[in-house]
């Protein structure tokens, strides 16, 4: 059984940070290449869904997504380690 990385809380404010986090979780959960965020069709889709997302998505690149995913991985790894250690006590 494949485990989901996580889910995002509902009702997040639309800003660059939250959009980037949502994209990281989406890309990781459905195994898409990071380059999807640079595809014109993907940018057009986000702009169609929410016109405010257009300028934000233009600031997001595959490199930023890759870096952010690495940060999320380290954070989740530390969280899991702490959970395991707390159960051993």
C-alpha atoms as a PDB file:
ATOM      1  CA  UNK A   1       0.000   0.000   0.000  1.00  0.00           C
ATOM      2  CA  UNK A   2       1.389   3.377  -0.994  1.00  0.00           C
ATOM      3  CA  UNK A   3       1.415   5.919   1.798  1.00  0.00           C
ATOM      4  CA  UNK A   4       0.421   9.494   1.071  1.00  0.00           C
ATOM      5  CA  UNK A   5       2.992  12.054   2.068  1.00  0.00           C
ATOM      6  CA  UNK A   6       0.434  14.256   3.770  1.00  0.00           C
ATOM      7  CA  UNK A   7      -2.555  16.418   3.119  1.00  0.00           C
ATOM      8  CA  UNK A   8      -2.913  20.163   3.289  1.00  0.00           C
ATOM      9  CA  UNK A   9      -5.406  21.863   5.568  1.00  0.00           C
ATOM     10  CA  UNK A  10      -8.487  23.320   3.887  1.00  0.00           C
ATOM     11  CA  UNK A  11      -8.968  27.053   3.611  1.00  0.00           C
ATOM     12  CA  UNK A  12      -5.333  28.098   3.231  1.00  0.00           C
ATOM     13  CA  UNK A  13      -4.759  31.674   2.123  1.00  0.00           C
ATOM     14  CA  UNK A  14      -3.575  31.918  -1.472  1.00  0.00           C
ATOM     15  CA  UNK A  15       0.002  33.167  -1.379  1.00  0.00           C
ATOM     16  CA  UNK A  16       3.276  32.070  -2.979  1.00  0.00           C
ATOM     17  CA  UNK A  17       4.374  30.009   0.034  1.00  0.00           C
ATOM     18  CA  UNK A  18       1.112  28.058   0.303  1.00  0.00           C
ATOM     19  CA  UNK A  19       0.891  27.588  -3.464  1.00  0.00           C
ATOM     20  CA  UNK A  20       4.432  26.221  -3.528  1.00  0.00           C
ATOM     21  CA  UNK A  21       3.672  23.872  -0.615  1.00  0.00           C
ATOM     22  CA  UNK A  22       0.490  22.633  -2.317  1.00  0.00           C
ATOM     23  CA  UNK A  23       2.412  22.007  -5.534  1.00  0.00           C
ATOM     24  CA  UNK A  24       5.121  20.071  -3.676  1.00  0.00           C
ATOM     25  CA  UNK A  25       2.556  17.802  -2.021  1.00  0.00           C
ATOM     26  CA  UNK A  26       0.666  17.354  -5.303  1.00  0.00           C
ATOM     27  CA  UNK A  27       3.778  16.553  -7.345  1.00  0.00           C
ATOM     28  CA  UNK A  28       5.131  14.140  -4.730  1.00  0.00           C
ATOM     29  CA  UNK A  29       1.825  12.312  -4.256  1.00  0.00           C
ATOM     30  CA  UNK A  30       1.139  11.746  -7.956  1.00  0.00           C
ATOM     31  CA  UNK A  31       4.763  11.246  -9.037  1.00  0.00           C
ATOM     32  CA  UNK A  32       4.924  14.067 -11.555  1.00  0.00           C
ATOM     33  CA  UNK A  33       8.195  15.576 -12.766  1.00  0.00           C
ATOM     34  CA  UNK A  34       9.122  18.901 -11.172  1.00  0.00           C
ATOM     35  CA  UNK A  35       9.143  20.438 -14.635  1.00  0.00           C
ATOM     36  CA  UNK A  36       5.325  20.309 -14.706  1.00  0.00           C
ATOM     37  CA  UNK A  37       5.254  23.681 -12.909  1.00  0.00           C
ATOM     38  CA  UNK A  38       7.059  25.278 -15.861  1.00  0.00           C
ATOM     39  CA  UNK A  39       4.662  23.934 -18.507  1.00  0.00           C
ATOM     40  CA  UNK A  40       2.525  26.615 -20.123  1.00  0.00           C
ATOM     41  CA  UNK A  41      -0.613  24.447 -19.956  1.00  0.00           C
ATOM     42  CA  UNK A  42      -0.140  23.977 -16.214  1.00  0.00           C
ATOM     43  CA  UNK A  43       0.331  27.724 -15.685  1.00  0.00           C
ATOM     44  CA  UNK A  44      -2.730  28.433 -17.835  1.00  0.00           C
ATOM     45  CA  UNK A  45      -4.780  25.963 -15.776  1.00  0.00           C
ATOM     46  CA  UNK A  46      -3.839  27.613 -12.488  1.00  0.00           C
ATOM     47  CA  UNK A  47      -4.536  31.043 -13.923  1.00  0.00           C
ATOM     48  CA  UNK A  48      -7.937  29.838 -15.146  1.00  0.00           C
ATOM     49  CA  UNK A  49      -8.792  28.445 -11.717  1.00  0.00           C
ATOM     50  CA  UNK A  50      -7.669  31.577  -9.899  1.00  0.00           C
ATOM     51  CA  UNK A  51      -6.393  34.697 -11.641  1.00  0.00           C
ATOM     52  CA  UNK A  52      -4.406  35.636  -8.500  1.00  0.00           C
ATOM     53  CA  UNK A  53      -2.330  32.461  -8.888  1.00  0.00           C
ATOM     54  CA  UNK A  54      -0.952  33.565 -12.269  1.00  0.00           C
ATOM     55  CA  UNK A  55       1.772  35.923 -11.018  1.00  0.00           C
ATOM     56  CA  UNK A  56       2.677  33.510  -8.198  1.00  0.00           C
ATOM     57  CA  UNK A  57       3.122  30.511 -10.478  1.00  0.00           C
ATOM     58  CA  UNK A  58       5.453  32.556 -12.676  1.00  0.00           C
ATOM     59  CA  UNK A  59       7.822  32.776  -9.676  1.00  0.00           C
ATOM     60  CA  UNK A  60       7.877  29.007  -9.098  1.00  0.00           C
ATOM     61  CA  UNK A  61      10.380  26.827 -10.945  1.00  0.00           C
ATOM     62  CA  UNK A  62      11.367  23.167 -10.923  1.00  0.00           C
ATOM     63  CA  UNK A  63      14.470  24.144  -8.902  1.00  0.00           C
ATOM     64  CA  UNK A  64      12.371  25.865  -6.216  1.00  0.00           C
ATOM     65  CA  UNK A  65      10.018  22.875  -6.090  1.00  0.00           C
ATOM     66  CA  UNK A  66      12.973  20.495  -5.795  1.00  0.00           C
ATOM     67  CA  UNK A  67      14.534  22.526  -2.986  1.00  0.00           C
ATOM     68  CA  UNK A  68      11.234  22.827  -1.156  1.00  0.00           C
ATOM     69  CA  UNK A  69      10.571  19.098  -1.465  1.00  0.00           C
ATOM     70  CA  UNK A  70      13.983  18.413   0.072  1.00  0.00           C
ATOM     71  CA  UNK A  71      13.093  20.660   3.009  1.00  0.00           C
ATOM     72  CA  UNK A  72       9.734  18.933   3.464  1.00  0.00           C
ATOM     73  CA  UNK A  73      11.463  15.538   3.361  1.00  0.00           C
ATOM     74  CA  UNK A  74      13.930  16.530   6.092  1.00  0.00           C
ATOM     75  CA  UNK A  75      11.107  17.940   8.246  1.00  0.00           C
ATOM     76  CA  UNK A  76       8.995  14.796   7.862  1.00  0.00           C
ATOM     77  CA  UNK A  77      12.002  12.587   8.516  1.00  0.00           C
ATOM     78  CA  UNK A  78      12.685  14.458  11.761  1.00  0.00           C
ATOM     79  CA  UNK A  79       9.013  14.262  12.762  1.00  0.00           C
ATOM     80  CA  UNK A  80       8.948  10.487  12.206  1.00  0.00           C
ATOM     81  CA  UNK A  81      12.180  10.078  14.146  1.00  0.00           C
ATOM     82  CA  UNK A  82      10.726  12.031  17.081  1.00  0.00           C
ATOM     83  CA  UNK A  83       7.539   9.928  17.001  1.00  0.00           C
ATOM     84  CA  UNK A  84       9.560   6.708  17.091  1.00  0.00           C
ATOM     85  CA  UNK A  85      11.760   7.966  19.922  1.00  0.00           C
ATOM     86  CA  UNK A  86       8.752   9.096  21.965  1.00  0.00           C
ATOM     87  CA  UNK A  87       7.220   5.604  21.701  1.00  0.00           C
ATOM     88  CA  UNK A  88      10.411   3.984  22.976  1.00  0.00           C
ATOM     89  CA  UNK A  89      10.372   5.907  26.251  1.00  0.00           C
END
